[in-house]
Amino acid sequence: MNVNKNAKQVNLIRIKENRNFEIQYFFEFGTEKLCRKMSDDGQSK
């Protein structure tokens, strides 16, 4: 799973076995100023 931020949107992207990318989830925020960390087990810190 790969995390990508683009302006107000955060995308969770899966790299498939054939090396294609597929957006699994996306989150739209009301601001471009986001600052968070994610731990190894996927929990927000």
PDB file of N, CA and C in Angstrom:
ATOM      1  N   MET A   1       0.858  -1.164   0.000  1.00  0.00           N
ATOM      2  CA  MET A   1       0.000   0.000   0.000  1.00  0.00           C
ATOM      3  C   MET A   1       0.904   1.225   0.000  1.00  0.00           C
ATOM      4  N   ASN A   2       0.554   2.187  -0.797  1.00  0.00           N
ATOM      5  CA  ASN A   2       1.315   3.413  -0.946  1.00  0.00           C
ATOM      6  C   ASN A   2       0.402   4.585  -0.567  1.00  0.00           C
ATOM      7  N   VAL A   3       0.932   5.604   0.084  1.00  0.00           N
ATOM      8  CA  VAL A   3       0.159   6.785   0.457  1.00  0.00           C
ATOM      9  C   VAL A   3       0.645   7.959  -0.379  1.00  0.00           C
ATOM     10  N   ASN A   4      -0.293   8.689  -0.991  1.00  0.00           N
ATOM     11  CA  ASN A   4       0.035   9.823  -1.838  1.00  0.00           C
ATOM     12  C   ASN A   4      -0.861  10.990  -1.462  1.00  0.00           C
ATOM     13  N   LYS A   5      -0.269  12.193  -1.323  1.00  0.00           N
ATOM     14  CA  LYS A   5      -1.056  13.393  -1.050  1.00  0.00           C
ATOM     15  C   LYS A   5      -0.979  14.302  -2.266  1.00  0.00           C
ATOM     16  N   ASN A   6      -2.143  14.773  -2.706  1.00  0.00           N
ATOM     17  CA  ASN A   6      -2.219  15.679  -3.847  1.00  0.00           C
ATOM     18  C   ASN A   6      -3.218  16.775  -3.489  1.00  0.00           C
ATOM     19  N   ALA A   7      -2.702  17.972  -3.196  1.00  0.00           N
ATOM     20  CA  ALA A   7      -3.528  19.119  -2.788  1.00  0.00           C
ATOM     21  C   ALA A   7      -4.353  18.751  -1.570  1.00  0.00           C
ATOM     22  N   LYS A   8      -5.685  18.711  -1.681  1.00  0.00           N
ATOM     23  CA  LYS A   8      -6.576  18.426  -0.554  1.00  0.00           C
ATOM     24  C   LYS A   8      -6.959  16.960  -0.455  1.00  0.00           C
ATOM     25  N   GLN A   9      -6.383  16.130  -1.280  1.00  0.00           N
ATOM     26  CA  GLN A   9      -6.762  14.720  -1.341  1.00  0.00           C
ATOM     27  C   GLN A   9      -5.596  13.819  -0.935  1.00  0.00           C
ATOM     28  N   VAL A  10      -5.893  12.798  -0.130  1.00  0.00           N
ATOM     29  CA  VAL A  10      -4.923  11.770   0.234  1.00  0.00           C
ATOM     30  C   VAL A  10      -5.406  10.464  -0.380  1.00  0.00           C
ATOM     31  N   ASN A  11      -4.531   9.773  -1.098  1.00  0.00           N
ATOM     32  CA  ASN A  11      -4.873   8.528  -1.779  1.00  0.00           C
ATOM     33  C   ASN A  11      -4.114   7.366  -1.159  1.00  0.00           C
ATOM     34  N   LEU A  12      -4.792   6.246  -0.977  1.00  0.00           N
ATOM     35  CA  LEU A  12      -4.142   4.994  -0.608  1.00  0.00           C
ATOM     36  C   LEU A  12      -4.131   4.138  -1.861  1.00  0.00           C
ATOM     37  N   ILE A  13      -2.935   3.850  -2.358  1.00  0.00           N
ATOM     38  CA  ILE A  13      -2.767   3.212  -3.662  1.00  0.00           C
ATOM     39  C   ILE A  13      -2.133   1.834  -3.489  1.00  0.00           C
ATOM     40  N   ARG A  14      -2.725   0.854  -4.125  1.00  0.00           N
ATOM     41  CA  ARG A  14      -2.189  -0.506  -4.100  1.00  0.00           C
ATOM     42  C   ARG A  14      -1.435  -0.768  -5.403  1.00  0.00           C
ATOM     43  N   ILE A  15      -0.263  -1.384  -5.285  1.00  0.00           N
ATOM     44  CA  ILE A  15       0.498  -1.798  -6.470  1.00  0.00           C
ATOM     45  C   ILE A  15       0.152  -3.262  -6.711  1.00  0.00           C
ATOM     46  N   LYS A  16      -0.466  -3.517  -7.850  1.00  0.00           N
ATOM     47  CA  LYS A  16      -0.937  -4.864  -8.164  1.00  0.00           C
ATOM     48  C   LYS A  16       0.213  -5.732  -8.666  1.00  0.00           C
ATOM     49  N   GLU A  17      -0.023  -7.036  -8.755  1.00  0.00           N
ATOM     50  CA  GLU A  17       1.019  -7.981  -9.173  1.00  0.00           C
ATOM     51  C   GLU A  17       1.572  -7.673 -10.558  1.00  0.00           C
ATOM     52  N   ASN A  18       0.730  -7.129 -11.451  1.00  0.00           N
ATOM     53  CA  ASN A  18       1.187  -6.798 -12.804  1.00  0.00           C
ATOM     54  C   ASN A  18       1.805  -5.395 -12.866  1.00  0.00           C
ATOM     55  N   ARG A  19       2.107  -4.817 -11.683  1.00  0.00           N
ATOM     56  CA  ARG A  19       2.758  -3.519 -11.515  1.00  0.00           C
ATOM     57  C   ARG A  19       1.876  -2.334 -11.896  1.00  0.00           C
ATOM     58  N   ASN A  20       0.589  -2.554 -12.048  1.00  0.00           N
ATOM     59  CA  ASN A  20      -0.355  -1.459 -12.245  1.00  0.00           C
ATOM     60  C   ASN A  20      -0.742  -0.890 -10.889  1.00  0.00           C
ATOM     61  N   PHE A  21      -1.139   0.367 -10.877  1.00  0.00           N
ATOM     62  CA  PHE A  21      -1.550   1.037  -9.656  1.00  0.00           C
ATOM     63  C   PHE A  21      -3.073   1.110  -9.602  1.00  0.00           C
ATOM     64  N   GLU A  22      -3.625   0.937  -8.403  1.00  0.00           N
ATOM     65  CA  GLU A  22      -5.067   0.998  -8.222  1.00  0.00           C
ATOM     66  C   GLU A  22      -5.360   1.783  -6.942  1.00  0.00           C
ATOM     67  N   ILE A  23      -6.160   2.850  -7.058  1.00  0.00           N
ATOM     68  CA  ILE A  23      -6.527   3.630  -5.875  1.00  0.00           C
ATOM     69  C   ILE A  23      -7.551   2.823  -5.083  1.00  0.00           C
ATOM     70  N   GLN A  24      -7.202   2.473  -3.843  1.00  0.00           N
ATOM     71  CA  GLN A  24      -8.092   1.714  -2.974  1.00  0.00           C
ATOM     72  C   GLN A  24      -9.046   2.641  -2.221  1.00  0.00           C
ATOM     73  N   TYR A  25      -8.512   3.732  -1.696  1.00  0.00           N
ATOM     74  CA  TYR A  25      -9.300   4.707  -0.941  1.00  0.00           C
ATOM     75  C   TYR A  25      -8.768   6.092  -1.233  1.00  0.00           C
ATOM     76  N   PHE A  26      -9.633   7.092  -1.134  1.00  0.00           N
ATOM     77  CA  PHE A  26      -9.172   8.470  -1.175  1.00  0.00           C
ATOM     78  C   PHE A  26      -9.979   9.282  -0.188  1.00  0.00           C
ATOM     79  N   PHE A  27      -9.329  10.268   0.387  1.00  0.00           N
ATOM     80  CA  PHE A  27      -9.930  11.119   1.403  1.00  0.00           C
ATOM     81  C   PHE A  27      -9.774  12.569   0.965  1.00  0.00           C
ATOM     82  N   GLU A  28     -10.866  13.285   0.939  1.00  0.00           N
ATOM     83  CA  GLU A  28     -10.869  14.708   0.554  1.00  0.00           C
ATOM     84  C   GLU A  28     -10.950  15.538   1.835  1.00  0.00           C
ATOM     85  N   PHE A  29      -9.999  16.468   2.005  1.00  0.00           N
ATOM     86  CA  PHE A  29      -9.960  17.327   3.171  1.00  0.00           C
ATOM     87  C   PHE A  29     -10.259  18.758   2.767  1.00  0.00           C
ATOM     88  N   GLY A  30     -10.656  19.582   3.721  1.00  0.00           N
ATOM     89  CA  GLY A  30     -10.994  20.974   3.445  1.00  0.00           C
ATOM     90  C   GLY A  30      -9.797  21.893   3.414  1.00  0.00           C
ATOM     91  N   THR A  31      -8.598  21.340   3.536  1.00  0.00           N
ATOM     92  CA  THR A  31      -7.381  22.148   3.542  1.00  0.00           C
ATOM     93  C   THR A  31      -6.245  21.372   2.885  1.00  0.00           C
ATOM     94  N   GLU A  32      -5.271  22.098   2.402  1.00  0.00           N
ATOM     95  CA  GLU A  32      -4.079  21.464   1.831  1.00  0.00           C
ATOM     96  C   GLU A  32      -3.007  21.249   2.892  1.00  0.00           C
ATOM     97  N   LYS A  33      -3.207  21.797   4.078  1.00  0.00           N
ATOM     98  CA  LYS A  33      -2.200  21.739   5.141  1.00  0.00           C
ATOM     99  C   LYS A  33      -2.493  20.557   6.053  1.00  0.00           C
ATOM    100  N   LEU A  34      -1.912  19.420   5.730  1.00  0.00           N
ATOM    101  CA  LEU A  34      -2.085  18.204   6.509  1.00  0.00           C
ATOM    102  C   LEU A  34      -0.737  17.752   7.029  1.00  0.00           C
ATOM    103  N   CYS A  35      -0.708  17.319   8.264  1.00  0.00           N
ATOM    104  CA  CYS A  35       0.533  16.828   8.857  1.00  0.00           C
ATOM    105  C   CYS A  35       0.180  15.710   9.822  1.00  0.00           C
ATOM    106  N   ARG A  36       0.384  14.458   9.419  1.00  0.00           N
ATOM    107  CA  ARG A  36       0.110  13.295  10.254  1.00  0.00           C
ATOM    108  C   ARG A  36       1.153  12.234   9.979  1.00  0.00           C
ATOM    109  N   LYS A  37       1.277  11.303  10.902  1.00  0.00           N
ATOM    110  CA  LYS A  37       2.162  10.153  10.732  1.00  0.00           C
ATOM    111  C   LYS A  37       1.333   8.892  10.849  1.00  0.00           C
ATOM    112  N   MET A  38       1.763   7.846  10.160  1.00  0.00           N
ATOM    113  CA  MET A  38       1.109   6.557  10.284  1.00  0.00           C
ATOM    114  C   MET A  38       2.148   5.557  10.772  1.00  0.00           C
ATOM    115  N   SER A  39       1.776   4.767  11.747  1.00  0.00           N
ATOM    116  CA  SER A  39       2.695   3.782  12.309  1.00  0.00           C
ATOM    117  C   SER A  39       2.761   2.547  11.410  1.00  0.00           C
ATOM    118  N   ASP A  40       3.657   1.632  11.742  1.00  0.00           N
ATOM    119  CA  ASP A  40       3.816   0.407  10.954  1.00  0.00           C
ATOM    120  C   ASP A  40       2.557  -0.439  10.934  1.00  0.00           C
ATOM    121  N   ASP A  41       1.722  -0.355  12.004  1.00  0.00           N
ATOM    122  CA  ASP A  41       0.500  -1.146  12.031  1.00  0.00           C
ATOM    123  C   ASP A  41      -0.699  -0.394  11.474  1.00  0.00           C
ATOM    124  N   GLY A  42      -0.483   0.791  10.854  1.00  0.00           N
ATOM    125  CA  GLY A  42      -1.545   1.532  10.178  1.00  0.00           C
ATOM    126  C   GLY A  42      -2.351   2.446  11.057  1.00  0.00           C
ATOM    127  N   GLN A  43      -1.974   2.592  12.306  1.00  0.00           N
ATOM    128  CA  GLN A  43      -2.687   3.465  13.225  1.00  0.00           C
ATOM    129  C   GLN A  43      -2.116   4.887  13.131  1.00  0.00           C
ATOM    130  N   SER A  44      -2.982   5.865  13.151  1.00  0.00           N
ATOM    131  CA  SER A  44      -2.559   7.266  13.094  1.00  0.00           C
ATOM    132  C   SER A  44      -1.910   7.642  14.408  1.00  0.00           C
ATOM    133  N   LYS A  45      -0.881   8.489  14.333  1.00  0.00           N
ATOM    134  CA  LYS A  45      -0.199   8.971  15.547  1.00  0.00           C
ATOM    135  C   LYS A  45      -0.372  10.462  15.675  1.00  0.00           C
TER     136      LYS A  45
END
